[in-house]
PDB file of N, CA and C in Angstrom:
ATOM      1  N   UNK A   1     191.381 175.558  -2.755  1.00  0.00           N
ATOM      2  CA  UNK A   1     193.246 175.748  -2.838  1.00  0.00           C
ATOM      3  C   UNK A   1     193.352 177.146  -2.265  1.00  0.00           C
ATOM      4  N   UNK A   2     194.316 176.556  -0.794  1.00  0.00           N
ATOM      5  CA  UNK A   2     194.662 177.864  -0.179  1.00  0.00           C
ATOM      6  C   UNK A   2     195.830 178.364  -0.143  1.00  0.00           C
ATOM      7  N   UNK A   3     196.388 179.189  -0.765  1.00  0.00           N
ATOM      8  CA  UNK A   3     197.969 180.157  -0.874  1.00  0.00           C
ATOM      9  C   UNK A   3     198.486 180.816   0.106  1.00  0.00           C
ATOM     10  N   UNK A   4     199.077 181.062   0.926  1.00  0.00           N
ATOM     11  CA  UNK A   4     199.549 181.188   2.154  1.00  0.00           C
ATOM     12  C   UNK A   4     200.969 181.418   1.677  1.00  0.00           C
ATOM     13  N   UNK A   5     201.142 182.885   1.651  1.00  0.00           N
ATOM     14  CA  UNK A   5     202.564 183.270   1.126  1.00  0.00           C
ATOM     15  C   UNK A   5     203.205 184.414   2.391  1.00  0.00           C
ATOM     16  N   UNK A   6     204.839 184.052   2.802  1.00  0.00           N
ATOM     17  CA  UNK A   6     205.045 184.867   3.544  1.00  0.00           C
ATOM     18  C   UNK A   6     206.788 185.081   2.926  1.00  0.00           C
ATOM     19  N   UNK A   7     207.539 185.922   3.822  1.00  0.00           N
ATOM     20  CA  UNK A   7     208.736 186.322   3.468  1.00  0.00           C
ATOM     21  C   UNK A   7     208.833 187.804   3.373  1.00  0.00           C
ATOM     22  N   UNK A   8     208.036 188.024   2.847  1.00  0.00           N
ATOM     23  CA  UNK A   8     208.039 190.127   2.705  1.00  0.00           C
ATOM     24  C   UNK A   8     208.578 190.733   3.464  1.00  0.00           C
ATOM     25  N   UNK A   9     209.253 191.934   3.089  1.00  0.00           N
ATOM     26  CA  UNK A   9     209.405 192.685   4.512  1.00  0.00           C
ATOM     27  C   UNK A   9     210.359 193.884   3.521  1.00  0.00           C
ATOM     28  N   UNK A  10     210.955 194.903   4.631  1.00  0.00           N
ATOM     29  CA  UNK A  10     211.815 195.516   3.975  1.00  0.00           C
ATOM     30  C   UNK A  10     213.279 195.726   4.313  1.00  0.00           C
ATOM     31  N   UNK A  11     214.147 195.802   2.602  1.00  0.00           N
ATOM     32  CA  UNK A  11     215.557 195.645   2.524  1.00  0.00           C
ATOM     33  C   UNK A  11     216.226 197.130   2.529  1.00  0.00           C
ATOM     34  N   UNK A  12     217.603 197.277   2.318  1.00  0.00           N
ATOM     35  CA  UNK A  12     218.072 198.188   1.801  1.00  0.00           C
ATOM     36  C   UNK A  12     218.685 198.035   0.056  1.00  0.00           C
ATOM     37  N   UNK A  13     218.756 198.565  -0.679  1.00  0.00           N
ATOM     38  CA  UNK A  13     219.651 198.105  -1.770  1.00  0.00           C
ATOM     39  C   UNK A  13     220.702 197.363  -1.923  1.00  0.00           C
ATOM     40  N   UNK A  14     220.229 196.044  -2.443  1.00  0.00           N
ATOM     41  CA  UNK A  14     221.724 195.213  -2.768  1.00  0.00           C
ATOM     42  C   UNK A  14     221.356 194.134  -1.913  1.00  0.00           C
ATOM     43  N   UNK A  15     220.422 194.239  -0.727  1.00  0.00           N
ATOM     44  CA  UNK A  15     219.881 193.074   0.108  1.00  0.00           C
ATOM     45  C   UNK A  15     219.278 191.671  -0.202  1.00  0.00           C
ATOM     46  N   UNK A  16     218.750 191.287   0.389  1.00  0.00           N
ATOM     47  CA  UNK A  16     218.116 189.406  -0.049  1.00  0.00           C
ATOM     48  C   UNK A  16     216.776 189.187   0.962  1.00  0.00           C
ATOM     49  N   UNK A  17     215.803 189.005   0.212  1.00  0.00           N
ATOM     50  CA  UNK A  17     214.374 188.261   0.723  1.00  0.00           C
ATOM     51  C   UNK A  17     214.462 186.470  -0.172  1.00  0.00           C
ATOM     52  N   UNK A  18     214.194 186.205   1.002  1.00  0.00           N
ATOM     53  CA  UNK A  18     213.325 184.727   0.323  1.00  0.00           C
ATOM     54  C   UNK A  18     212.011 184.527   0.738  1.00  0.00           C
ATOM     55  N   UNK A  19     211.017 184.693  -0.473  1.00  0.00           N
ATOM     56  CA  UNK A  19     209.348 184.206  -0.171  1.00  0.00           C
ATOM     57  C   UNK A  19     208.888 182.433  -0.479  1.00  0.00           C
ATOM     58  N   UNK A  20     208.170 182.706   0.451  1.00  0.00           N
ATOM     59  CA  UNK A  20     207.374 181.236   0.152  1.00  0.00           C
ATOM     60  C   UNK A  20     206.242 181.120   0.001  1.00  0.00           C
ATOM     61  N   UNK A  21     205.661 180.296  -0.542  1.00  0.00           N
ATOM     62  CA  UNK A  21     204.282 179.968  -0.444  1.00  0.00           C
ATOM     63  C   UNK A  21     203.697 178.507  -0.718  1.00  0.00           C
ATOM     64  N   UNK A  22     202.340 178.393   0.286  1.00  0.00           N
ATOM     65  CA  UNK A  22     202.585 176.928   1.202  1.00  0.00           C
ATOM     66  C   UNK A  22     200.765 176.287   0.396  1.00  0.00           C
ATOM     67  N   UNK A  23     200.965 175.643  -0.528  1.00  0.00           N
ATOM     68  CA  UNK A  23     199.469 175.990  -1.043  1.00  0.00           C
ATOM     69  C   UNK A  23     198.758 174.629  -0.473  1.00  0.00           C
ATOM     70  N   UNK A  24     197.799 174.408   0.348  1.00  0.00           N
ATOM     71  CA  UNK A  24     197.044 173.693   0.979  1.00  0.00           C
ATOM     72  C   UNK A  24     195.257 173.588   0.794  1.00  0.00           C
ATOM     73  N   UNK A  25     194.896 172.250   1.654  1.00  0.00           N
ATOM     74  CA  UNK A  25     193.574 172.755   1.315  1.00  0.00           C
ATOM     75  C   UNK A  25     193.373 171.051   1.197  1.00  0.00           C
ATOM     76  N   UNK A  26     191.977 169.826   1.134  1.00  0.00           N
ATOM     77  CA  UNK A  26     192.055 169.143   1.511  1.00  0.00           C
ATOM     78  C   UNK A  26     191.909 168.093   0.518  1.00  0.00           C
ATOM     79  N   UNK A  27     191.768 168.858  -0.636  1.00  0.00           N
ATOM     80  CA  UNK A  27     192.007 168.058  -2.130  1.00  0.00           C
ATOM     81  C   UNK A  27     192.864 168.577  -2.955  1.00  0.00           C
ATOM     82  N   UNK A  28     194.237 168.738  -2.053  1.00  0.00           N
ATOM     83  CA  UNK A  28     195.613 168.786  -2.793  1.00  0.00           C
ATOM     84  C   UNK A  28     196.473 168.177  -2.089  1.00  0.00           C
ATOM     85  N   UNK A  29     196.896 167.514  -3.291  1.00  0.00           N
ATOM     86  CA  UNK A  29     197.651 165.914  -2.922  1.00  0.00           C
ATOM     87  C   UNK A  29     199.142 166.387  -3.964  1.00  0.00           C
ATOM     88  N   UNK A  30     200.031 165.806  -3.664  1.00  0.00           N
ATOM     89  CA  UNK A  30     201.390 166.198  -3.942  1.00  0.00           C
ATOM     90  C   UNK A  30     201.593 166.392  -5.773  1.00  0.00           C
ATOM     91  N   UNK A  31     200.536 165.263  -6.547  1.00  0.00           N
ATOM     92  CA  UNK A  31     200.538 165.555  -7.842  1.00  0.00           C
ATOM     93  C   UNK A  31     199.705 166.549  -8.729  1.00  0.00           C
ATOM     94  N   UNK A  32     198.594 167.315  -7.435  1.00  0.00           N
ATOM     95  CA  UNK A  32     197.781 168.239  -8.564  1.00  0.00           C
ATOM     96  C   UNK A  32     198.150 169.193  -8.510  1.00  0.00           C
ATOM     97  N   UNK A  33     199.368 169.719  -8.375  1.00  0.00           N
ATOM     98  CA  UNK A  33     199.410 171.216  -9.071  1.00  0.00           C
ATOM     99  C   UNK A  33     200.746 171.400  -9.648  1.00  0.00           C
ATOM    100  N   UNK A  34     200.535 171.759 -10.871  1.00  0.00           N
ATOM    101  CA  UNK A  34     201.326 171.798 -11.978  1.00  0.00           C
ATOM    102  C   UNK A  34     202.092 173.120 -11.992  1.00  0.00           C
ATOM    103  N   UNK A  35     202.124 174.067 -12.633  1.00  0.00           N
ATOM    104  CA  UNK A  35     202.995 175.350 -12.241  1.00  0.00           C
ATOM    105  C   UNK A  35     202.344 176.244 -11.243  1.00  0.00           C
ATOM    106  N   UNK A  36     203.213 176.711 -11.093  1.00  0.00           N
ATOM    107  CA  UNK A  36     203.773 177.837  -9.583  1.00  0.00           C
ATOM    108  C   UNK A  36     204.526 179.026 -10.003  1.00  0.00           C
ATOM    109  N   UNK A  37     204.451 180.259  -9.476  1.00  0.00           N
ATOM    110  CA  UNK A  37     205.096 180.979  -9.995  1.00  0.00           C
ATOM    111  C   UNK A  37     204.770 182.597  -8.965  1.00  0.00           C
ATOM    112  N   UNK A  38     205.378 183.333  -9.048  1.00  0.00           N
ATOM    113  CA  UNK A  38     205.451 184.890  -8.187  1.00  0.00           C
ATOM    114  C   UNK A  38     204.978 185.710  -9.638  1.00  0.00           C
ATOM    115  N   UNK A  39     204.479 186.784  -8.805  1.00  0.00           N
ATOM    116  CA  UNK A  39     204.030 188.126  -9.781  1.00  0.00           C
ATOM    117  C   UNK A  39     203.853 189.093  -8.580  1.00  0.00           C
ATOM    118  N   UNK A  40     204.826 189.908  -9.581  1.00  0.00           N
ATOM    119  CA  UNK A  40     204.008 191.580  -8.459  1.00  0.00           C
ATOM    120  C   UNK A  40     203.352 192.331  -8.996  1.00  0.00           C
ATOM    121  N   UNK A  41     203.047 193.508  -7.994  1.00  0.00           N
ATOM    122  CA  UNK A  41     201.671 193.984  -8.969  1.00  0.00           C
ATOM    123  C   UNK A  41     202.162 195.138  -8.941  1.00  0.00           C
ATOM    124  N   UNK A  42     201.866 195.979 -10.233  1.00  0.00           N
ATOM    125  CA  UNK A  42     202.060 197.199 -10.718  1.00  0.00           C
ATOM    126  C   UNK A  42     201.270 198.391 -10.266  1.00  0.00           C
ATOM    127  N   UNK A  43     201.891 199.707 -10.680  1.00  0.00           N
ATOM    128  CA  UNK A  43     200.143 200.611 -10.865  1.00  0.00           C
ATOM    129  C   UNK A  43     199.553 200.241 -12.178  1.00  0.00           C
ATOM    130  N   UNK A  44     197.971 200.241 -11.188  1.00  0.00           N
ATOM    131  CA  UNK A  44     197.240 199.921 -12.068  1.00  0.00           C
ATOM    132  C   UNK A  44     197.119 198.534 -12.394  1.00  0.00           C
ATOM    133  N   UNK A  45     197.089 197.890 -10.771  1.00  0.00           N
ATOM    134  CA  UNK A  45     196.652 196.867 -10.332  1.00  0.00           C
ATOM    135  C   UNK A  45     196.756 195.283 -11.063  1.00  0.00           C
ATOM    136  N   UNK A  46     198.071 195.964 -12.147  1.00  0.00           N
ATOM    137  CA  UNK A  46     198.574 194.686 -13.308  1.00  0.00           C
ATOM    138  C   UNK A  46     199.243 193.898 -12.483  1.00  0.00           C
ATOM    139  N   UNK A  47     199.640 192.149 -12.465  1.00  0.00           N
ATOM    140  CA  UNK A  47     200.157 191.343 -12.125  1.00  0.00           C
ATOM    141  C   UNK A  47     201.449 191.105 -12.913  1.00  0.00           C
ATOM    142  N   UNK A  48     202.626 191.449 -12.751  1.00  0.00           N
ATOM    143  CA  UNK A  48     203.171 190.972 -13.478  1.00  0.00           C
ATOM    144  C   UNK A  48     204.342 189.841 -13.551  1.00  0.00           C
ATOM    145  N   UNK A  49     204.394 188.822 -14.712  1.00  0.00           N
ATOM    146  CA  UNK A  49     204.937 187.499 -13.822  1.00  0.00           C
ATOM    147  C   UNK A  49     206.956 188.164 -13.535  1.00  0.00           C
ATOM    148  N   UNK A  50     207.307 187.674 -12.319  1.00  0.00           N
ATOM    149  CA  UNK A  50     208.536 187.803 -11.578  1.00  0.00           C
ATOM    150  C   UNK A  50     209.486 186.334 -12.250  1.00  0.00           C
ATOM    151  N   UNK A  51     207.983 185.418 -11.932  1.00  0.00           N
ATOM    152  CA  UNK A  51     208.780 183.910 -12.226  1.00  0.00           C
ATOM    153  C   UNK A  51     207.854 182.626 -12.072  1.00  0.00           C
ATOM    154  N   UNK A  52     208.434 181.970 -12.977  1.00  0.00           N
ATOM    155  CA  UNK A  52     207.124 181.362 -12.482  1.00  0.00           C
ATOM    156  C   UNK A  52     207.979 179.340 -12.473  1.00  0.00           C
ATOM    157  N   UNK A  53     207.281 178.798 -12.586  1.00  0.00           N
ATOM    158  CA  UNK A  53     207.854 177.145 -12.493  1.00  0.00           C
ATOM    159  C   UNK A  53     207.185 176.081 -12.809  1.00  0.00           C
ATOM    160  N   UNK A  54     207.770 175.014 -13.102  1.00  0.00           N
ATOM    161  CA  UNK A  54     206.734 173.949 -13.385  1.00  0.00           C
ATOM    162  C   UNK A  54     207.466 173.050 -12.379  1.00  0.00           C
ATOM    163  N   UNK A  55     205.281 171.943 -12.638  1.00  0.00           N
ATOM    164  CA  UNK A  55     206.309 170.901 -11.735  1.00  0.00           C
ATOM    165  C   UNK A  55     207.514 169.951 -11.733  1.00  0.00           C
ATOM    166  N   UNK A  56     207.852 170.091 -12.883  1.00  0.00           N
ATOM    167  CA  UNK A  56     209.338 169.390 -13.310  1.00  0.00           C
ATOM    168  C   UNK A  56     210.705 170.048 -13.097  1.00  0.00           C
ATOM    169  N   UNK A  57     210.294 171.419 -12.738  1.00  0.00           N
ATOM    170  CA  UNK A  57     211.307 171.649 -12.453  1.00  0.00           C
ATOM    171  C   UNK A  57     211.870 173.045 -13.235  1.00  0.00           C
ATOM    172  N   UNK A  58     211.151 172.716 -14.369  1.00  0.00           N
ATOM    173  CA  UNK A  58     211.644 174.587 -15.440  1.00  0.00           C
ATOM    174  C   UNK A  58     211.342 175.612 -15.079  1.00  0.00           C
ATOM    175  N   UNK A  59     212.094 176.445 -14.894  1.00  0.00           N
ATOM    176  CA  UNK A  59     212.111 177.733 -14.566  1.00  0.00           C
ATOM    177  C   UNK A  59     211.917 179.200 -15.753  1.00  0.00           C
ATOM    178  N   UNK A  60     210.769 180.265 -15.452  1.00  0.00           N
ATOM    179  CA  UNK A  60     210.955 181.416 -16.008  1.00  0.00           C
ATOM    180  C   UNK A  60     211.091 182.360 -15.224  1.00  0.00           C
ATOM    181  N   UNK A  61     211.769 183.224 -16.091  1.00  0.00           N
ATOM    182  CA  UNK A  61     212.099 184.725 -15.612  1.00  0.00           C
ATOM    183  C   UNK A  61     211.674 185.537 -16.435  1.00  0.00           C
ATOM    184  N   UNK A  62     210.886 186.583 -15.824  1.00  0.00           N
ATOM    185  CA  UNK A  62     211.667 187.897 -16.365  1.00  0.00           C
ATOM    186  C   UNK A  62     212.697 188.692 -16.523  1.00  0.00           C
ATOM    187  N   UNK A  63     212.956 189.231 -17.695  1.00  0.00           N
ATOM    188  CA  UNK A  63     214.393 189.540 -17.725  1.00  0.00           C
ATOM    189  C   UNK A  63     214.957 190.865 -16.602  1.00  0.00           C
ATOM    190  N   UNK A  64     214.070 191.279 -15.846  1.00  0.00           N
ATOM    191  CA  UNK A  64     214.340 192.469 -15.125  1.00  0.00           C
ATOM    192  C   UNK A  64     214.986 191.595 -13.921  1.00  0.00           C
ATOM    193  N   UNK A  65     214.710 190.393 -13.593  1.00  0.00           N
ATOM    194  CA  UNK A  65     214.796 189.746 -12.637  1.00  0.00           C
ATOM    195  C   UNK A  65     215.855 188.437 -12.722  1.00  0.00           C
ATOM    196  N   UNK A  66     216.306 188.255 -13.967  1.00  0.00           N
ATOM    197  CA  UNK A  66     217.458 186.926 -14.158  1.00  0.00           C
ATOM    198  C   UNK A  66     219.033 187.500 -13.893  1.00  0.00           C
ATOM    199  N   UNK A  67     219.255 186.420 -13.328  1.00  0.00           N
ATOM    200  CA  UNK A  67     220.617 186.586 -12.774  1.00  0.00           C
ATOM    201  C   UNK A  67     220.674 186.957 -10.966  1.00  0.00           C
ATOM    202  N   UNK A  68     218.948 187.748 -10.787  1.00  0.00           N
ATOM    203  CA  UNK A  68     219.313 187.995  -9.036  1.00  0.00           C
ATOM    204  C   UNK A  68     218.551 187.153  -8.229  1.00  0.00           C
ATOM    205  N   UNK A  69     217.404 186.439  -9.278  1.00  0.00           N
ATOM    206  CA  UNK A  69     215.932 185.661  -8.660  1.00  0.00           C
ATOM    207  C   UNK A  69     216.115 184.436  -9.103  1.00  0.00           C
ATOM    208  N   UNK A  70     215.620 183.693  -8.131  1.00  0.00           N
ATOM    209  CA  UNK A  70     216.094 182.172  -8.460  1.00  0.00           C
ATOM    210  C   UNK A  70     214.659 181.822  -7.726  1.00  0.00           C
ATOM    211  N   UNK A  71     213.896 180.743  -8.359  1.00  0.00           N
ATOM    212  CA  UNK A  71     212.443 179.979  -7.941  1.00  0.00           C
ATOM    213  C   UNK A  71     212.434 178.662  -7.824  1.00  0.00           C
ATOM    214  N   UNK A  72     212.510 178.132  -7.077  1.00  0.00           N
ATOM    215  CA  UNK A  72     212.454 176.777  -6.583  1.00  0.00           C
ATOM    216  C   UNK A  72     210.518 176.350  -6.107  1.00  0.00           C
ATOM    217  N   UNK A  73     210.643 175.008  -5.546  1.00  0.00           N
ATOM    218  CA  UNK A  73     209.679 174.383  -4.946  1.00  0.00           C
ATOM    219  C   UNK A  73     210.092 173.444  -4.870  1.00  0.00           C
ATOM    220  N   UNK A  74     209.277 172.991  -3.925  1.00  0.00           N
ATOM    221  CA  UNK A  74     209.547 171.545  -2.948  1.00  0.00           C
ATOM    222  C   UNK A  74     208.028 170.796  -2.828  1.00  0.00           C
ATOM    223  N   UNK A  75     207.495 169.935  -4.079  1.00  0.00           N
ATOM    224  CA  UNK A  75     206.441 169.197  -4.396  1.00  0.00           C
ATOM    225  C   UNK A  75     206.034 168.102  -3.156  1.00  0.00           C
ATOM    226  N   UNK A  76     206.741 167.599  -2.832  1.00  0.00           N
ATOM    227  CA  UNK A  76     206.014 167.616  -1.520  1.00  0.00           C
ATOM    228  C   UNK A  76     205.490 167.906  -0.409  1.00  0.00           C
ATOM    229  N   UNK A  77     206.088 169.483  -0.200  1.00  0.00           N
ATOM    230  CA  UNK A  77     205.883 170.073   0.967  1.00  0.00           C
ATOM    231  C   UNK A  77     204.596 171.308  -0.088  1.00  0.00           C
ATOM    232  N   UNK A  78     204.319 170.685  -1.149  1.00  0.00           N
ATOM    233  CA  UNK A  78     203.697 171.673  -1.713  1.00  0.00           C
ATOM    234  C   UNK A  78     203.721 173.680  -2.007  1.00  0.00           C
ATOM    235  N   UNK A  79     205.247 173.450  -1.808  1.00  0.00           N
ATOM    236  CA  UNK A  79     205.774 174.874  -1.510  1.00  0.00           C
ATOM    237  C   UNK A  79     206.419 175.862  -2.566  1.00  0.00           C
ATOM    238  N   UNK A  80     206.631 176.509  -2.567  1.00  0.00           N
ATOM    239  CA  UNK A  80     207.273 177.306  -4.000  1.00  0.00           C
ATOM    240  C   UNK A  80     207.794 178.509  -3.015  1.00  0.00           C
ATOM    241  N   UNK A  81     209.232 178.897  -3.680  1.00  0.00           N
ATOM    242  CA  UNK A  81     210.041 179.877  -2.927  1.00  0.00           C
ATOM    243  C   UNK A  81     210.790 180.417  -4.025  1.00  0.00           C
ATOM    244  N   UNK A  82     210.956 181.871  -3.821  1.00  0.00           N
ATOM    245  CA  UNK A  82     211.817 182.866  -4.332  1.00  0.00           C
ATOM    246  C   UNK A  82     212.457 183.504  -3.539  1.00  0.00           C
ATOM    247  N   UNK A  83     214.043 183.187  -4.125  1.00  0.00           N
ATOM    248  CA  UNK A  83     215.181 183.866  -3.609  1.00  0.00           C
ATOM    249  C   UNK A  83     215.179 184.713  -4.686  1.00  0.00           C
ATOM    250  N   UNK A  84     215.714 186.578  -3.906  1.00  0.00           N
ATOM    251  CA  UNK A  84     215.364 187.391  -4.282  1.00  0.00           C
ATOM    252  C   UNK A  84     216.737 188.093  -3.782  1.00  0.00           C
ATOM    253  N   UNK A  85     218.135 188.200  -4.781  1.00  0.00           N
ATOM    254  CA  UNK A  85     219.264 188.831  -4.046  1.00  0.00           C
ATOM    255  C   UNK A  85     219.583 190.093  -5.488  1.00  0.00           C
ATOM    256  N   UNK A  86     220.018 191.128  -4.414  1.00  0.00           N
ATOM    257  CA  UNK A  86     220.738 192.354  -5.345  1.00  0.00           C
ATOM    258  C   UNK A  86     219.513 193.027  -5.382  1.00  0.00           C
ATOM    259  N   UNK A  87     218.408 193.299  -4.148  1.00  0.00           N
ATOM    260  CA  UNK A  87     217.092 194.106  -4.526  1.00  0.00           C
ATOM    261  C   UNK A  87     217.305 195.230  -4.775  1.00  0.00           C
ATOM    262  N   UNK A  88     217.380 195.872  -5.453  1.00  0.00           N
ATOM    263  CA  UNK A  88     216.914 197.413  -6.637  1.00  0.00           C
ATOM    264  C   UNK A  88     215.347 197.825  -5.743  1.00  0.00           C
ATOM    265  N   UNK A  89     215.302 199.182  -6.103  1.00  0.00           N
ATOM    266  CA  UNK A  89     214.511 199.901  -5.589  1.00  0.00           C
ATOM    267  C   UNK A  89     212.680 199.531  -6.563  1.00  0.00           C
ATOM    268  N   UNK A  90     213.390 199.212  -7.602  1.00  0.00           N
ATOM    269  CA  UNK A  90     212.386 199.050  -8.739  1.00  0.00           C
ATOM    270  C   UNK A  90     212.046 197.494  -8.345  1.00  0.00           C
ATOM    271  N   UNK A  91     212.267 196.541  -7.601  1.00  0.00           N
ATOM    272  CA  UNK A  91     211.655 195.148  -6.925  1.00  0.00           C
ATOM    273  C   UNK A  91     211.011 195.550  -5.929  1.00  0.00           C
ATOM    274  N   UNK A  92     210.003 196.842  -5.517  1.00  0.00           N
ATOM    275  CA  UNK A  92     209.650 197.146  -4.248  1.00  0.00           C
ATOM    276  C   UNK A  92     207.885 196.395  -4.755  1.00  0.00           C
ATOM    277  N   UNK A  93     207.084 196.174  -4.077  1.00  0.00           N
ATOM    278  CA  UNK A  93     205.642 195.806  -4.553  1.00  0.00           C
ATOM    279  C   UNK A  93     205.360 195.072  -3.393  1.00  0.00           C
ATOM    280  N   UNK A  94     203.698 194.849  -3.305  1.00  0.00           N
ATOM    281  CA  UNK A  94     203.351 193.348  -3.600  1.00  0.00           C
ATOM    282  C   UNK A  94     203.854 192.254  -4.733  1.00  0.00           C
ATOM    283  N   UNK A  95     203.976 191.332  -4.129  1.00  0.00           N
ATOM    284  CA  UNK A  95     204.229 190.302  -4.681  1.00  0.00           C
ATOM    285  C   UNK A  95     203.188 188.908  -4.103  1.00  0.00           C
ATOM    286  N   UNK A  96     202.531 188.417  -5.518  1.00  0.00           N
ATOM    287  CA  UNK A  96     201.798 187.332  -4.984  1.00  0.00           C
ATOM    288  C   UNK A  96     202.202 186.093  -5.575  1.00  0.00           C
ATOM    289  N   UNK A  97     201.561 184.878  -5.006  1.00  0.00           N
ATOM    290  CA  UNK A  97     202.106 183.577  -5.690  1.00  0.00           C
ATOM    291  C   UNK A  97     200.987 183.016  -6.224  1.00  0.00           C
ATOM    292  N   UNK A  98     200.880 181.956  -7.319  1.00  0.00           N
ATOM    293  CA  UNK A  98     200.297 181.223  -7.700  1.00  0.00           C
ATOM    294  C   UNK A  98     200.257 179.476  -8.183  1.00  0.00           C
ATOM    295  N   UNK A  99     199.237 179.360  -7.907  1.00  0.00           N
ATOM    296  CA  UNK A  99     199.337 177.662  -8.423  1.00  0.00           C
ATOM    297  C   UNK A  99     198.012 177.426  -9.352  1.00  0.00           C
ATOM    298  N   UNK A 100     198.401 176.974 -10.138  1.00  0.00           N
ATOM    299  CA  UNK A 100     197.305 176.078 -10.988  1.00  0.00           C
ATOM    300  C   UNK A 100     196.890 174.438 -10.599  1.00  0.00           C
ATOM    301  N   UNK A 101     195.637 174.248 -10.636  1.00  0.00           N
ATOM    302  CA  UNK A 101     195.536 172.572 -10.707  1.00  0.00           C
ATOM    303  C   UNK A 101     194.192 172.441 -11.583  1.00  0.00           C
ATOM    304  N   UNK A 102     194.529 171.577 -12.440  1.00  0.00           N
ATOM    305  CA  UNK A 102     193.553 171.324 -12.953  1.00  0.00           C
ATOM    306  C   UNK A 102     192.889 172.332 -14.243  1.00  0.00           C
ATOM    307  N   UNK A 103     193.771 173.162 -14.229  1.00  0.00           N
ATOM    308  CA  UNK A 103     193.170 174.168 -15.153  1.00  0.00           C
ATOM    309  C   UNK A 103     193.127 175.360 -14.399  1.00  0.00           C
ATOM    310  N   UNK A 104     192.906 175.327 -13.653  1.00  0.00           N
ATOM    311  CA  UNK A 104     191.944 176.516 -12.577  1.00  0.00           C
ATOM    312  C   UNK A 104     193.700 177.245 -11.776  1.00  0.00           C
ATOM    313  N   UNK A 105     193.660 178.709 -11.455  1.00  0.00           N
ATOM    314  CA  UNK A 105     194.587 179.323 -11.349  1.00  0.00           C
ATOM    315  C   UNK A 105     194.047 179.776  -9.727  1.00  0.00           C
ATOM    316  N   UNK A 106     194.411 179.748  -8.774  1.00  0.00           N
ATOM    317  CA  UNK A 106     194.446 180.086  -7.874  1.00  0.00           C
ATOM    318  C   UNK A 106     195.568 180.911  -7.528  1.00  0.00           C
ATOM    319  N   UNK A 107     194.949 182.026  -6.536  1.00  0.00           N
ATOM    320  CA  UNK A 107     196.311 183.479  -5.948  1.00  0.00           C
ATOM    321  C   UNK A 107     196.124 182.991  -4.659  1.00  0.00           C
ATOM    322  N   UNK A 108     197.362 183.387  -3.740  1.00  0.00           N
ATOM    323  CA  UNK A 108     197.984 183.846  -2.534  1.00  0.00           C
ATOM    324  C   UNK A 108     197.608 185.133  -1.977  1.00  0.00           C
ATOM    325  N   UNK A 109     197.551 185.602  -1.228  1.00  0.00           N
ATOM    326  CA  UNK A 109     197.594 186.908  -0.478  1.00  0.00           C
ATOM    327  C   UNK A 109     198.646 187.501  -0.856  1.00  0.00           C
ATOM    328  N   UNK A 110     199.300 188.866  -1.061  1.00  0.00           N
ATOM    329  CA  UNK A 110     200.287 189.074  -0.827  1.00  0.00           C
ATOM    330  C   UNK A 110     201.218 189.577  -0.170  1.00  0.00           C
ATOM    331  N   UNK A 111     202.270 189.513  -0.491  1.00  0.00           N
ATOM    332  CA  UNK A 111     203.646 189.658   0.796  1.00  0.00           C
ATOM    333  C   UNK A 111     204.113 190.686  -0.182  1.00  0.00           C
ATOM    334  N   UNK A 112     204.524 192.210   0.638  1.00  0.00           N
ATOM    335  CA  UNK A 112     205.328 193.351   0.884  1.00  0.00           C
ATOM    336  C   UNK A 112     206.823 193.122   0.660  1.00  0.00           C
ATOM    337  N   UNK A 113     207.129 193.289  -0.556  1.00  0.00           N
ATOM    338  CA  UNK A 113     208.887 193.846  -0.472  1.00  0.00           C
ATOM    339  C   UNK A 113     208.917 194.766  -0.430  1.00  0.00           C
ATOM    340  N   UNK A 114     209.839 196.119  -0.042  1.00  0.00           N
ATOM    341  CA  UNK A 114     210.207 196.895  -0.095  1.00  0.00           C
ATOM    342  C   UNK A 114     211.176 197.786   0.126  1.00  0.00           C
ATOM    343  N   UNK A 115     212.113 197.777  -0.986  1.00  0.00           N
ATOM    344  CA  UNK A 115     213.104 198.399  -1.114  1.00  0.00           C
ATOM    345  C   UNK A 115     214.225 199.783  -1.197  1.00  0.00           C
ATOM    346  N   UNK A 116     215.085 200.038  -0.378  1.00  0.00           N
ATOM    347  CA  UNK A 116     215.021 201.430  -0.295  1.00  0.00           C
ATOM    348  C   UNK A 116     216.343 201.534  -0.549  1.00  0.00           C
ATOM    349  N   UNK A 117     216.444 202.555  -1.142  1.00  0.00           N
ATOM    350  CA  UNK A 117     217.734 203.314  -1.021  1.00  0.00           C
ATOM    351  C   UNK A 117     218.747 204.054  -0.113  1.00  0.00           C
TER     352      UNK A 117
END
C-alpha cells in the first residue's frame, strides 16, 4: 500500500489548509482499509495523533484541534482529508497520514504545514 499526502503549505495565523492522502496499490480494494488518520511530528521525532477516522466515519481528535480541524474520508477513492481551520503557529510541522489494512499500518510521506504569526 502506498500513501500519497498533499496539501501542505505556508499560511498566516487564522488561515486554513486542506490535506489529502490517497492510498493506492494493486492489492488495495475499497473495503480493505480500516482506520485512517493524520499525525504531526514533534521534536524528538515522535508522531502525535491529530485525528483519526474509522471506515464507518467515526472520528477522533486531539484536544488541541477539536473544533478547528475536521477529518473525513471517501472510501470509494481510498482518500482521507483533513480540513484545518483557525491555524496557529503551534500547528506547524510535518503531517503524516496513515492507513491500517488487516492489522498492518502504512505511512505516507510527510507534508509540511507552516503557520506564521
